[in-house]
Amino acid sequence: MKHPFLMGVIYACALSSVFTQSIQAKEIAAIDSKQPQAQMQSNSAKDTKQVKVNINKASTAELQQLKGIGESKAKAIVEYRTKNGKFSNLEQLSQVSGVGEKLIEKNANQISF
């Protein structure tokens, strides 16, 4: 014959184990869900940080860090620089095909010489 007290103790231990596992699973899920947010925050902090780009030395890849500068504009800037020499001011940059005043205004604080 099974003893009712012992059965109650065994049942309580089993419930406690299931409850503990459930809490641990929720804690792990909470930790996992916070990790991507932390990574997103650090990535967005990097995105908002303005990088100075030396227009006279930058590669096409480095030039593409500027707003509105894709591969073709970056190549045009390097090609212009190769043919005409170093840029001495922002106004000269507007002589590059595809580079206008608005693009220069967006990036004025990020461009160095």
PDB file of N, CA and C in Angstrom:
ATOM      1  N   MET A   1       0.837  -1.179   0.000  1.00  0.00           N
ATOM      2  CA  MET A   1       0.000   0.000   0.000  1.00  0.00           C
ATOM      3  C   MET A   1       0.885   1.247   0.000  1.00  0.00           C
ATOM      4  N   LYS A   2       0.505   2.216  -0.781  1.00  0.00           N
ATOM      5  CA  LYS A   2       1.295   3.432  -0.881  1.00  0.00           C
ATOM      6  C   LYS A   2       0.935   4.350   0.274  1.00  0.00           C
ATOM      7  N   HIS A   3       1.963   4.977   0.834  1.00  0.00           N
ATOM      8  CA  HIS A   3       1.755   5.887   1.959  1.00  0.00           C
ATOM      9  C   HIS A   3       1.374   7.264   1.423  1.00  0.00           C
ATOM     10  N   PRO A   4       0.227   7.831   1.865  1.00  0.00           N
ATOM     11  CA  PRO A   4      -0.242   9.111   1.320  1.00  0.00           C
ATOM     12  C   PRO A   4       0.720  10.261   1.583  1.00  0.00           C
ATOM     13  N   PHE A   5       1.390  10.278   2.706  1.00  0.00           N
ATOM     14  CA  PHE A   5       2.330  11.359   3.005  1.00  0.00           C
ATOM     15  C   PHE A   5       3.515  11.316   2.049  1.00  0.00           C
ATOM     16  N   LEU A   6       4.081  10.130   1.836  1.00  0.00           N
ATOM     17  CA  LEU A   6       5.218   9.988   0.939  1.00  0.00           C
ATOM     18  C   LEU A   6       4.830  10.341  -0.500  1.00  0.00           C
ATOM     19  N   MET A   7       3.640   9.963  -0.895  1.00  0.00           N
ATOM     20  CA  MET A   7       3.174  10.294  -2.239  1.00  0.00           C
ATOM     21  C   MET A   7       3.063  11.812  -2.390  1.00  0.00           C
ATOM     22  N   GLY A   8       2.609  12.488  -1.355  1.00  0.00           N
ATOM     23  CA  GLY A   8       2.499  13.949  -1.379  1.00  0.00           C
ATOM     24  C   GLY A   8       3.865  14.613  -1.485  1.00  0.00           C
ATOM     25  N   VAL A   9       4.850  14.079  -0.752  1.00  0.00           N
ATOM     26  CA  VAL A   9       6.203  14.620  -0.793  1.00  0.00           C
ATOM     27  C   VAL A   9       6.804  14.423  -2.182  1.00  0.00           C
ATOM     28  N   ILE A  10       6.619  13.234  -2.737  1.00  0.00           N
ATOM     29  CA  ILE A  10       7.152  12.946  -4.080  1.00  0.00           C
ATOM     30  C   ILE A  10       6.478  13.869  -5.101  1.00  0.00           C
ATOM     31  N   TYR A  11       5.177  14.048  -4.997  1.00  0.00           N
ATOM     32  CA  TYR A  11       4.441  14.914  -5.913  1.00  0.00           C
ATOM     33  C   TYR A  11       4.925  16.368  -5.786  1.00  0.00           C
ATOM     34  N   ALA A  12       5.132  16.828  -4.547  1.00  0.00           N
ATOM     35  CA  ALA A  12       5.608  18.190  -4.318  1.00  0.00           C
ATOM     36  C   ALA A  12       7.007  18.386  -4.891  1.00  0.00           C
ATOM     37  N   CYS A  13       7.883  17.410  -4.756  1.00  0.00           N
ATOM     38  CA  CYS A  13       9.242  17.501  -5.309  1.00  0.00           C
ATOM     39  C   CYS A  13       9.198  17.556  -6.829  1.00  0.00           C
ATOM     40  N   ALA A  14       8.312  16.763  -7.422  1.00  0.00           N
ATOM     41  CA  ALA A  14       8.194  16.745  -8.880  1.00  0.00           C
ATOM     42  C   ALA A  14       7.695  18.099  -9.371  1.00  0.00           C
ATOM     43  N   LEU A  15       6.711  18.658  -8.712  1.00  0.00           N
ATOM     44  CA  LEU A  15       6.185  19.980  -9.088  1.00  0.00           C
ATOM     45  C   LEU A  15       7.256  21.056  -8.935  1.00  0.00           C
ATOM     46  N   SER A  16       8.015  20.976  -7.854  1.00  0.00           N
ATOM     47  CA  SER A  16       9.076  21.949  -7.610  1.00  0.00           C
ATOM     48  C   SER A  16      10.118  21.903  -8.724  1.00  0.00           C
ATOM     49  N   SER A  17      10.469  20.697  -9.150  1.00  0.00           N
ATOM     50  CA  SER A  17      11.454  20.539 -10.215  1.00  0.00           C
ATOM     51  C   SER A  17      10.928  21.125 -11.527  1.00  0.00           C
ATOM     52  N   VAL A  18       9.681  20.849 -11.872  1.00  0.00           N
ATOM     53  CA  VAL A  18       9.082  21.381 -13.100  1.00  0.00           C
ATOM     54  C   VAL A  18       9.006  22.900 -13.022  1.00  0.00           C
ATOM     55  N   PHE A  19       8.616  23.429 -11.873  1.00  0.00           N
ATOM     56  CA  PHE A  19       8.502  24.874 -11.685  1.00  0.00           C
ATOM     57  C   PHE A  19       9.870  25.546 -11.837  1.00  0.00           C
ATOM     58  N   THR A  20      10.895  24.949 -11.235  1.00  0.00           N
ATOM     59  CA  THR A  20      12.254  25.495 -11.318  1.00  0.00           C
ATOM     60  C   THR A  20      12.753  25.485 -12.758  1.00  0.00           C
ATOM     61  N   GLN A  21      12.518  24.389 -13.476  1.00  0.00           N
ATOM     62  CA  GLN A  21      12.930  24.307 -14.878  1.00  0.00           C
ATOM     63  C   GLN A  21      12.206  25.351 -15.722  1.00  0.00           C
ATOM     64  N   SER A  22      10.937  25.578 -15.415  1.00  0.00           N
ATOM     65  CA  SER A  22      10.159  26.570 -16.161  1.00  0.00           C
ATOM     66  C   SER A  22      10.717  27.975 -15.934  1.00  0.00           C
ATOM     67  N   ILE A  23      11.067  28.296 -14.706  1.00  0.00           N
ATOM     68  CA  ILE A  23      11.635  29.608 -14.389  1.00  0.00           C
ATOM     69  C   ILE A  23      12.990  29.762 -15.069  1.00  0.00           C
ATOM     70  N   GLN A  24      13.818  28.725 -15.025  1.00  0.00           N
ATOM     71  CA  GLN A  24      15.128  28.794 -15.672  1.00  0.00           C
ATOM     72  C   GLN A  24      14.988  29.000 -17.178  1.00  0.00           C
ATOM     73  N   ALA A  25      14.034  28.321 -17.798  1.00  0.00           N
ATOM     74  CA  ALA A  25      13.817  28.475 -19.237  1.00  0.00           C
ATOM     75  C   ALA A  25      13.392  29.905 -19.568  1.00  0.00           C
ATOM     76  N   LYS A  26      12.525  30.483 -18.719  1.00  0.00           N
ATOM     77  CA  LYS A  26      12.087  31.868 -18.948  1.00  0.00           C
ATOM     78  C   LYS A  26      13.249  32.844 -18.769  1.00  0.00           C
ATOM     79  N   GLU A  27      14.110  32.603 -17.784  1.00  0.00           N
ATOM     80  CA  GLU A  27      15.267  33.470 -17.571  1.00  0.00           C
ATOM     81  C   GLU A  27      16.225  33.409 -18.753  1.00  0.00           C
ATOM     82  N   ILE A  28      16.457  32.216 -19.275  1.00  0.00           N
ATOM     83  CA  ILE A  28      17.336  32.055 -20.437  1.00  0.00           C
ATOM     84  C   ILE A  28      16.741  32.762 -21.645  1.00  0.00           C
ATOM     85  N   ALA A  29      15.432  32.603 -21.845  1.00  0.00           N
ATOM     86  CA  ALA A  29      14.766  33.264 -22.974  1.00  0.00           C
ATOM     87  C   ALA A  29      14.866  34.781 -22.846  1.00  0.00           C
ATOM     88  N   ALA A  30      14.732  35.283 -21.621  1.00  0.00           N
ATOM     89  CA  ALA A  30      14.831  36.730 -21.410  1.00  0.00           C
ATOM     90  C   ALA A  30      16.232  37.230 -21.719  1.00  0.00           C
ATOM     91  N   ILE A  31      17.234  36.478 -21.327  1.00  0.00           N
ATOM     92  CA  ILE A  31      18.621  36.864 -21.605  1.00  0.00           C
ATOM     93  C   ILE A  31      18.873  36.837 -23.103  1.00  0.00           C
ATOM     94  N   ASP A  32      18.414  35.777 -23.767  1.00  0.00           N
ATOM     95  CA  ASP A  32      18.605  35.659 -25.217  1.00  0.00           C
ATOM     96  C   ASP A  32      17.908  36.778 -25.968  1.00  0.00           C
ATOM     97  N   SER A  33      16.736  37.179 -25.512  1.00  0.00           N
ATOM     98  CA  SER A  33      16.004  38.236 -26.223  1.00  0.00           C
ATOM     99  C   SER A  33      16.655  39.601 -26.040  1.00  0.00           C
ATOM    100  N   LYS A  34      17.430  39.775 -24.975  1.00  0.00           N
ATOM    101  CA  LYS A  34      18.096  41.059 -24.743  1.00  0.00           C
ATOM    102  C   LYS A  34      19.380  41.197 -25.557  1.00  0.00           C
ATOM    103  N   GLN A  35      20.019  40.103 -25.908  1.00  0.00           N
ATOM    104  CA  GLN A  35      21.293  40.166 -26.619  1.00  0.00           C
ATOM    105  C   GLN A  35      21.185  40.837 -27.977  1.00  0.00           C
ATOM    106  N   PRO A  36      20.207  40.485 -28.826  1.00  0.00           N
ATOM    107  CA  PRO A  36      20.135  41.180 -30.116  1.00  0.00           C
ATOM    108  C   PRO A  36      19.886  42.673 -29.963  1.00  0.00           C
ATOM    109  N   GLN A  37      19.112  43.076 -28.956  1.00  0.00           N
ATOM    110  CA  GLN A  37      18.871  44.501 -28.740  1.00  0.00           C
ATOM    111  C   GLN A  37      20.168  45.213 -28.398  1.00  0.00           C
ATOM    112  N   ALA A  38      20.989  44.597 -27.579  1.00  0.00           N
ATOM    113  CA  ALA A  38      22.268  45.215 -27.217  1.00  0.00           C
ATOM    114  C   ALA A  38      23.143  45.341 -28.450  1.00  0.00           C
ATOM    115  N   GLN A  39      23.128  44.317 -29.310  1.00  0.00           N
ATOM    116  CA  GLN A  39      23.918  44.392 -30.525  1.00  0.00           C
ATOM    117  C   GLN A  39      23.376  45.469 -31.446  1.00  0.00           C
ATOM    118  N   MET A  40      22.034  45.584 -31.533  1.00  0.00           N
ATOM    119  CA  MET A  40      21.442  46.612 -32.372  1.00  0.00           C
ATOM    120  C   MET A  40      21.807  47.990 -31.866  1.00  0.00           C
ATOM    121  N   GLN A  41      21.787  48.177 -30.555  1.00  0.00           N
ATOM    122  CA  GLN A  41      22.123  49.480 -30.002  1.00  0.00           C
ATOM    123  C   GLN A  41      23.566  49.835 -30.302  1.00  0.00           C
ATOM    124  N   SER A  42      24.475  48.858 -30.176  1.00  0.00           N
ATOM    125  CA  SER A  42      25.873  49.168 -30.454  1.00  0.00           C
ATOM    126  C   SER A  42      26.066  49.437 -31.940  1.00  0.00           C
ATOM    127  N   ASN A  43      25.324  48.748 -32.820  1.00  0.00           N
ATOM    128  CA  ASN A  43      25.433  49.009 -34.250  1.00  0.00           C
ATOM    129  C   ASN A  43      24.879  50.379 -34.595  1.00  0.00           C
ATOM    130  N   SER A  44      23.760  50.760 -33.967  1.00  0.00           N
ATOM    131  CA  SER A  44      23.203  52.074 -34.273  1.00  0.00           C
ATOM    132  C   SER A  44      24.109  53.182 -33.756  1.00  0.00           C
ATOM    133  N   ALA A  45      24.812  52.932 -32.653  1.00  0.00           N
ATOM    134  CA  ALA A  45      25.759  53.923 -32.155  1.00  0.00           C
ATOM    135  C   ALA A  45      26.892  54.109 -33.145  1.00  0.00           C
ATOM    136  N   LYS A  46      27.316  53.023 -33.779  1.00  0.00           N
ATOM    137  CA  LYS A  46      28.374  53.116 -34.778  1.00  0.00           C
ATOM    138  C   LYS A  46      27.889  53.882 -35.998  1.00  0.00           C
ATOM    139  N   ASP A  47      26.602  53.638 -36.378  1.00  0.00           N
ATOM    140  CA  ASP A  47      26.065  54.299 -37.554  1.00  0.00           C
ATOM    141  C   ASP A  47      25.970  55.800 -37.385  1.00  0.00           C
ATOM    142  N   THR A  48      25.663  56.246 -36.171  1.00  0.00           N
ATOM    143  CA  THR A  48      25.503  57.678 -35.956  1.00  0.00           C
ATOM    144  C   THR A  48      26.847  58.387 -35.781  1.00  0.00           C
ATOM    145  N   LYS A  49      27.883  57.646 -35.501  1.00  0.00           N
ATOM    146  CA  LYS A  49      29.203  58.245 -35.337  1.00  0.00           C
ATOM    147  C   LYS A  49      29.700  58.700 -36.709  1.00  0.00           C
ATOM    148  N   GLN A  50      30.118  59.949 -36.801  1.00  0.00           N
ATOM    149  CA  GLN A  50      30.598  60.464 -38.067  1.00  0.00           C
ATOM    150  C   GLN A  50      32.077  60.145 -38.228  1.00  0.00           C
ATOM    151  N   VAL A  51      32.384  59.560 -39.364  1.00  0.00           N
ATOM    152  CA  VAL A  51      33.750  59.181 -39.676  1.00  0.00           C
ATOM    153  C   VAL A  51      34.333  60.233 -40.607  1.00  0.00           C
ATOM    154  N   LYS A  52      35.504  60.733 -40.277  1.00  0.00           N
ATOM    155  CA  LYS A  52      36.194  61.687 -41.155  1.00  0.00           C
ATOM    156  C   LYS A  52      36.839  60.909 -42.299  1.00  0.00           C
ATOM    157  N   VAL A  53      36.625  61.400 -43.501  1.00  0.00           N
ATOM    158  CA  VAL A  53      37.182  60.775 -44.690  1.00  0.00           C
ATOM    159  C   VAL A  53      38.068  61.796 -45.391  1.00  0.00           C
ATOM    160  N   ASN A  54      39.328  61.445 -45.556  1.00  0.00           N
ATOM    161  CA  ASN A  54      40.252  62.321 -46.274  1.00  0.00           C
ATOM    162  C   ASN A  54      39.994  62.123 -47.760  1.00  0.00           C
ATOM    163  N   ILE A  55      39.397  63.108 -48.360  1.00  0.00           N
ATOM    164  CA  ILE A  55      38.969  63.037 -49.753  1.00  0.00           C
ATOM    165  C   ILE A  55      40.136  62.845 -50.714  1.00  0.00           C
ATOM    166  N   ASN A  56      41.340  63.216 -50.307  1.00  0.00           N
ATOM    167  CA  ASN A  56      42.518  63.100 -51.161  1.00  0.00           C
ATOM    168  C   ASN A  56      43.246  61.760 -51.036  1.00  0.00           C
ATOM    169  N   LYS A  57      42.930  60.994 -50.003  1.00  0.00           N
ATOM    170  CA  LYS A  57      43.631  59.732 -49.784  1.00  0.00           C
ATOM    171  C   LYS A  57      42.706  58.525 -49.747  1.00  0.00           C
ATOM    172  N   ALA A  58      41.411  58.751 -49.629  1.00  0.00           N
ATOM    173  CA  ALA A  58      40.454  57.665 -49.411  1.00  0.00           C
ATOM    174  C   ALA A  58      40.311  56.759 -50.628  1.00  0.00           C
ATOM    175  N   SER A  59      40.150  55.484 -50.344  1.00  0.00           N
ATOM    176  CA  SER A  59      39.869  54.501 -51.394  1.00  0.00           C
ATOM    177  C   SER A  59      38.388  54.604 -51.758  1.00  0.00           C
ATOM    178  N   THR A  60      37.981  53.889 -52.788  1.00  0.00           N
ATOM    179  CA  THR A  60      36.565  53.913 -53.167  1.00  0.00           C
ATOM    180  C   THR A  60      35.700  53.371 -52.024  1.00  0.00           C
ATOM    181  N   ALA A  61      36.173  52.359 -51.332  1.00  0.00           N
ATOM    182  CA  ALA A  61      35.421  51.791 -50.207  1.00  0.00           C
ATOM    183  C   ALA A  61      35.271  52.812 -49.077  1.00  0.00           C
ATOM    184  N   GLU A  62      36.326  53.545 -48.792  1.00  0.00           N
ATOM    185  CA  GLU A  62      36.270  54.558 -47.729  1.00  0.00           C
ATOM    186  C   GLU A  62      35.357  55.713 -48.130  1.00  0.00           C
ATOM    187  N   LEU A  63      35.378  56.093 -49.383  1.00  0.00           N
ATOM    188  CA  LEU A  63      34.512  57.182 -49.857  1.00  0.00           C
ATOM    189  C   LEU A  63      33.038  56.808 -49.746  1.00  0.00           C
ATOM    190  N   GLN A  64      32.741  55.534 -49.852  1.00  0.00           N
ATOM    191  CA  GLN A  64      31.359  55.072 -49.765  1.00  0.00           C
ATOM    192  C   GLN A  64      30.784  55.180 -48.354  1.00  0.00           C
ATOM    193  N   GLN A  65      31.599  55.484 -47.381  1.00  0.00           N
ATOM    194  CA  GLN A  65      31.106  55.724 -46.026  1.00  0.00           C
ATOM    195  C   GLN A  65      30.373  57.053 -45.938  1.00  0.00           C
ATOM    196  N   LEU A  66      30.584  57.915 -46.900  1.00  0.00           N
ATOM    197  CA  LEU A  66      29.909  59.212 -46.929  1.00  0.00           C
ATOM    198  C   LEU A  66      28.473  59.034 -47.407  1.00  0.00           C
ATOM    199  N   LYS A  67      27.595  59.892 -46.930  1.00  0.00           N
ATOM    200  CA  LYS A  67      26.176  59.829 -47.294  1.00  0.00           C
ATOM    201  C   LYS A  67      25.987  60.125 -48.775  1.00  0.00           C
ATOM    202  N   GLY A  68      25.266  59.241 -49.452  1.00  0.00           N
ATOM    203  CA  GLY A  68      24.939  59.463 -50.851  1.00  0.00           C
ATOM    204  C   GLY A  68      26.044  59.105 -51.835  1.00  0.00           C
ATOM    205  N   ILE A  69      27.139  58.545 -51.337  1.00  0.00           N
ATOM    206  CA  ILE A  69      28.247  58.157 -52.213  1.00  0.00           C
ATOM    207  C   ILE A  69      28.216  56.638 -52.365  1.00  0.00           C
ATOM    208  N   GLY A  70      27.891  56.216 -53.568  1.00  0.00           N
ATOM    209  CA  GLY A  70      27.918  54.796 -53.886  1.00  0.00           C
ATOM    210  C   GLY A  70      29.206  54.460 -54.620  1.00  0.00           C
ATOM    211  N   GLU A  71      29.220  53.272 -55.171  1.00  0.00           N
ATOM    212  CA  GLU A  71      30.438  52.810 -55.845  1.00  0.00           C
ATOM    213  C   GLU A  71      30.790  53.683 -57.055  1.00  0.00           C
ATOM    214  N   SER A  72      29.797  54.040 -57.854  1.00  0.00           N
ATOM    215  CA  SER A  72      30.099  54.804 -59.073  1.00  0.00           C
ATOM    216  C   SER A  72      30.586  56.221 -58.760  1.00  0.00           C
ATOM    217  N   LYS A  73      29.983  56.881 -57.766  1.00  0.00           N
ATOM    218  CA  LYS A  73      30.448  58.230 -57.399  1.00  0.00           C
ATOM    219  C   LYS A  73      31.831  58.167 -56.758  1.00  0.00           C
ATOM    220  N   ALA A  74      32.058  57.137 -55.971  1.00  0.00           N
ATOM    221  CA  ALA A  74      33.376  56.981 -55.346  1.00  0.00           C
ATOM    222  C   ALA A  74      34.447  56.796 -56.421  1.00  0.00           C
ATOM    223  N   LYS A  75      34.147  55.991 -57.424  1.00  0.00           N
ATOM    224  CA  LYS A  75      35.101  55.788 -58.518  1.00  0.00           C
ATOM    225  C   LYS A  75      35.327  57.091 -59.288  1.00  0.00           C
ATOM    226  N   ALA A  76      34.252  57.860 -59.472  1.00  0.00           N
ATOM    227  CA  ALA A  76      34.376  59.137 -60.184  1.00  0.00           C
ATOM    228  C   ALA A  76      35.262  60.108 -59.405  1.00  0.00           C
ATOM    229  N   ILE A  77      35.139  60.107 -58.093  1.00  0.00           N
ATOM    230  CA  ILE A  77      35.965  60.991 -57.257  1.00  0.00           C
ATOM    231  C   ILE A  77      37.431  60.590 -57.359  1.00  0.00           C
ATOM    232  N   VAL A  78      37.711  59.291 -57.273  1.00  0.00           N
ATOM    233  CA  VAL A  78      39.095  58.815 -57.368  1.00  0.00           C
ATOM    234  C   VAL A  78      39.651  59.121 -58.761  1.00  0.00           C
ATOM    235  N   GLU A  79      38.848  58.908 -59.787  1.00  0.00           N
ATOM    236  CA  GLU A  79      39.297  59.179 -61.156  1.00  0.00           C
ATOM    237  C   GLU A  79      39.593  60.669 -61.349  1.00  0.00           C
ATOM    238  N   TYR A  80      38.707  61.529 -60.847  1.00  0.00           N
ATOM    239  CA  TYR A  80      38.919  62.979 -60.949  1.00  0.00           C
ATOM    240  C   TYR A  80      40.202  63.378 -60.231  1.00  0.00           C
ATOM    241  N   ARG A  81      40.387  62.822 -59.040  1.00  0.00           N
ATOM    242  CA  ARG A  81      41.565  63.128 -58.226  1.00  0.00           C
ATOM    243  C   ARG A  81      42.844  62.675 -58.932  1.00  0.00           C
ATOM    244  N   THR A  82      42.783  61.529 -59.597  1.00  0.00           N
ATOM    245  CA  THR A  82      43.945  61.008 -60.317  1.00  0.00           C
ATOM    246  C   THR A  82      44.313  61.924 -61.491  1.00  0.00           C
ATOM    247  N   LYS A  83      43.309  62.394 -62.207  1.00  0.00           N
ATOM    248  CA  LYS A  83      43.551  63.235 -63.385  1.00  0.00           C
ATOM    249  C   LYS A  83      43.909  64.680 -63.042  1.00  0.00           C
ATOM    250  N   ASN A  84      43.278  65.231 -62.007  1.00  0.00           N
ATOM    251  CA  ASN A  84      43.389  66.659 -61.709  1.00  0.00           C
ATOM    252  C   ASN A  84      44.183  67.007 -60.456  1.00  0.00           C
ATOM    253  N   GLY A  85      44.611  66.024 -59.724  1.00  0.00           N
ATOM    254  CA  GLY A  85      45.351  66.304 -58.490  1.00  0.00           C
ATOM    255  C   GLY A  85      44.433  66.385 -57.285  1.00  0.00           C
ATOM    256  N   LYS A  86      45.033  66.694 -56.158  1.00  0.00           N
ATOM    257  CA  LYS A  86      44.306  66.724 -54.880  1.00  0.00           C
ATOM    258  C   LYS A  86      43.272  67.840 -54.849  1.00  0.00           C
ATOM    259  N   PHE A  87      42.221  67.576 -54.058  1.00  0.00           N
ATOM    260  CA  PHE A  87      41.206  68.600 -53.797  1.00  0.00           C
ATOM    261  C   PHE A  87      41.751  69.533 -52.722  1.00  0.00           C
ATOM    262  N   SER A  88      41.524  70.814 -52.872  1.00  0.00           N
ATOM    263  CA  SER A  88      41.966  71.752 -51.847  1.00  0.00           C
ATOM    264  C   SER A  88      40.787  72.348 -51.084  1.00  0.00           C
ATOM    265  N   ASN A  89      39.555  72.188 -51.639  1.00  0.00           N
ATOM    266  CA  ASN A  89      38.355  72.687 -50.942  1.00  0.00           C
ATOM    267  C   ASN A  89      37.117  71.922 -51.425  1.00  0.00           C
ATOM    268  N   LEU A  90      36.031  72.138 -50.735  1.00  0.00           N
ATOM    269  CA  LEU A  90      34.793  71.423 -51.048  1.00  0.00           C
ATOM    270  C   LEU A  90      34.219  71.826 -52.405  1.00  0.00           C
ATOM    271  N   GLU A  91      34.424  73.062 -52.803  1.00  0.00           N
ATOM    272  CA  GLU A  91      33.891  73.531 -54.075  1.00  0.00           C
ATOM    273  C   GLU A  91      34.446  72.735 -55.246  1.00  0.00           C
ATOM    274  N   GLN A  92      35.697  72.325 -55.163  1.00  0.00           N
ATOM    275  CA  GLN A  92      36.296  71.513 -56.227  1.00  0.00           C
ATOM    276  C   GLN A  92      35.596  70.168 -56.367  1.00  0.00           C
ATOM    277  N   LEU A  93      35.096  69.667 -55.278  1.00  0.00           N
ATOM    278  CA  LEU A  93      34.411  68.381 -55.302  1.00  0.00           C
ATOM    279  C   LEU A  93      33.161  68.426 -56.178  1.00  0.00           C
ATOM    280  N   SER A  94      32.547  69.585 -56.279  1.00  0.00           N
ATOM    281  CA  SER A  94      31.341  69.721 -57.114  1.00  0.00           C
ATOM    282  C   SER A  94      31.657  69.589 -58.600  1.00  0.00           C
ATOM    283  N   GLN A  95      32.912  69.634 -58.970  1.00  0.00           N
ATOM    284  CA  GLN A  95      33.312  69.458 -60.368  1.00  0.00           C
ATOM    285  C   GLN A  95      33.295  67.982 -60.790  1.00  0.00           C
ATOM    286  N   VAL A  96      33.171  67.089 -59.811  1.00  0.00           N
ATOM    287  CA  VAL A  96      33.087  65.658 -60.111  1.00  0.00           C
ATOM    288  C   VAL A  96      31.679  65.354 -60.605  1.00  0.00           C
ATOM    289  N   SER A  97      31.584  64.615 -61.701  1.00  0.00           N
ATOM    290  CA  SER A  97      30.295  64.246 -62.267  1.00  0.00           C
ATOM    291  C   SER A  97      29.443  63.494 -61.238  1.00  0.00           C
ATOM    292  N   GLY A  98      28.222  63.968 -61.022  1.00  0.00           N
ATOM    293  CA  GLY A  98      27.306  63.314 -60.087  1.00  0.00           C
ATOM    294  C   GLY A  98      27.368  63.835 -58.669  1.00  0.00           C
ATOM    295  N   VAL A  99      28.293  64.729 -58.387  1.00  0.00           N
ATOM    296  CA  VAL A  99      28.422  65.292 -57.038  1.00  0.00           C
ATOM    297  C   VAL A  99      27.906  66.721 -57.077  1.00  0.00           C
ATOM    298  N   GLY A 100      26.820  66.952 -56.347  1.00  0.00           N
ATOM    299  CA  GLY A 100      26.221  68.281 -56.318  1.00  0.00           C
ATOM    300  C   GLY A 100      26.354  68.947 -54.971  1.00  0.00           C
ATOM    301  N   GLU A 101      25.788  70.155 -54.892  1.00  0.00           N
ATOM    302  CA  GLU A 101      25.884  70.950 -53.658  1.00  0.00           C
ATOM    303  C   GLU A 101      25.238  70.260 -52.466  1.00  0.00           C
ATOM    304  N   LYS A 102      24.076  69.635 -52.678  1.00  0.00           N
ATOM    305  CA  LYS A 102      23.381  68.983 -51.568  1.00  0.00           C
ATOM    306  C   LYS A 102      24.202  67.830 -50.992  1.00  0.00           C
ATOM    307  N   LEU A 103      24.822  67.071 -51.857  1.00  0.00           N
ATOM    308  CA  LEU A 103      25.665  65.963 -51.408  1.00  0.00           C
ATOM    309  C   LEU A 103      26.855  66.480 -50.608  1.00  0.00           C
ATOM    310  N   ILE A 104      27.425  67.570 -51.076  1.00  0.00           N
ATOM    311  CA  ILE A 104      28.561  68.169 -50.366  1.00  0.00           C
ATOM    312  C   ILE A 104      28.112  68.710 -49.013  1.00  0.00           C
ATOM    313  N   GLU A 105      26.951  69.355 -48.966  1.00  0.00           N
ATOM    314  CA  GLU A 105      26.432  69.885 -47.700  1.00  0.00           C
ATOM    315  C   GLU A 105      26.202  68.772 -46.682  1.00  0.00           C
ATOM    316  N   LYS A 106      25.651  67.640 -47.134  1.00  0.00           N
ATOM    317  CA  LYS A 106      25.384  66.503 -46.232  1.00  0.00           C
ATOM    318  C   LYS A 106      26.667  65.984 -45.592  1.00  0.00           C
ATOM    319  N   ASN A 107      27.763  66.068 -46.332  1.00  0.00           N
ATOM    320  CA  ASN A 107      29.012  65.431 -45.892  1.00  0.00           C
ATOM    321  C   ASN A 107      30.099  66.417 -45.486  1.00  0.00           C
ATOM    322  N   ALA A 108      29.815  67.700 -45.492  1.00  0.00           N
ATOM    323  CA  ALA A 108      30.845  68.711 -45.238  1.00  0.00           C
ATOM    324  C   ALA A 108      31.604  68.472 -43.934  1.00  0.00           C
ATOM    325  N   ASN A 109      30.916  68.033 -42.890  1.00  0.00           N
ATOM    326  CA  ASN A 109      31.573  67.810 -41.598  1.00  0.00           C
ATOM    327  C   ASN A 109      32.407  66.533 -41.549  1.00  0.00           C
ATOM    328  N   GLN A 110      32.215  65.658 -42.525  1.00  0.00           N
ATOM    329  CA  GLN A 110      32.918  64.391 -42.542  1.00  0.00           C
ATOM    330  C   GLN A 110      34.107  64.382 -43.496  1.00  0.00           C
ATOM    331  N   ILE A 111      34.229  65.402 -44.320  1.00  0.00           N
ATOM    332  CA  ILE A 111      35.297  65.427 -45.322  1.00  0.00           C
ATOM    333  C   ILE A 111      36.491  66.217 -44.799  1.00  0.00           C
ATOM    334  N   SER A 112      37.653  65.597 -44.944  1.00  0.00           N
ATOM    335  CA  SER A 112      38.902  66.302 -44.618  1.00  0.00           C
ATOM    336  C   SER A 112      39.799  66.279 -45.854  1.00  0.00           C
ATOM    337  N   PHE A 113      40.848  67.094 -45.816  1.00  0.00           N
ATOM    338  CA  PHE A 113      41.758  67.193 -46.955  1.00  0.00           C
ATOM    339  C   PHE A 113      43.172  66.816 -46.561  1.00  0.00           C
TER     340      PHE A 113
END
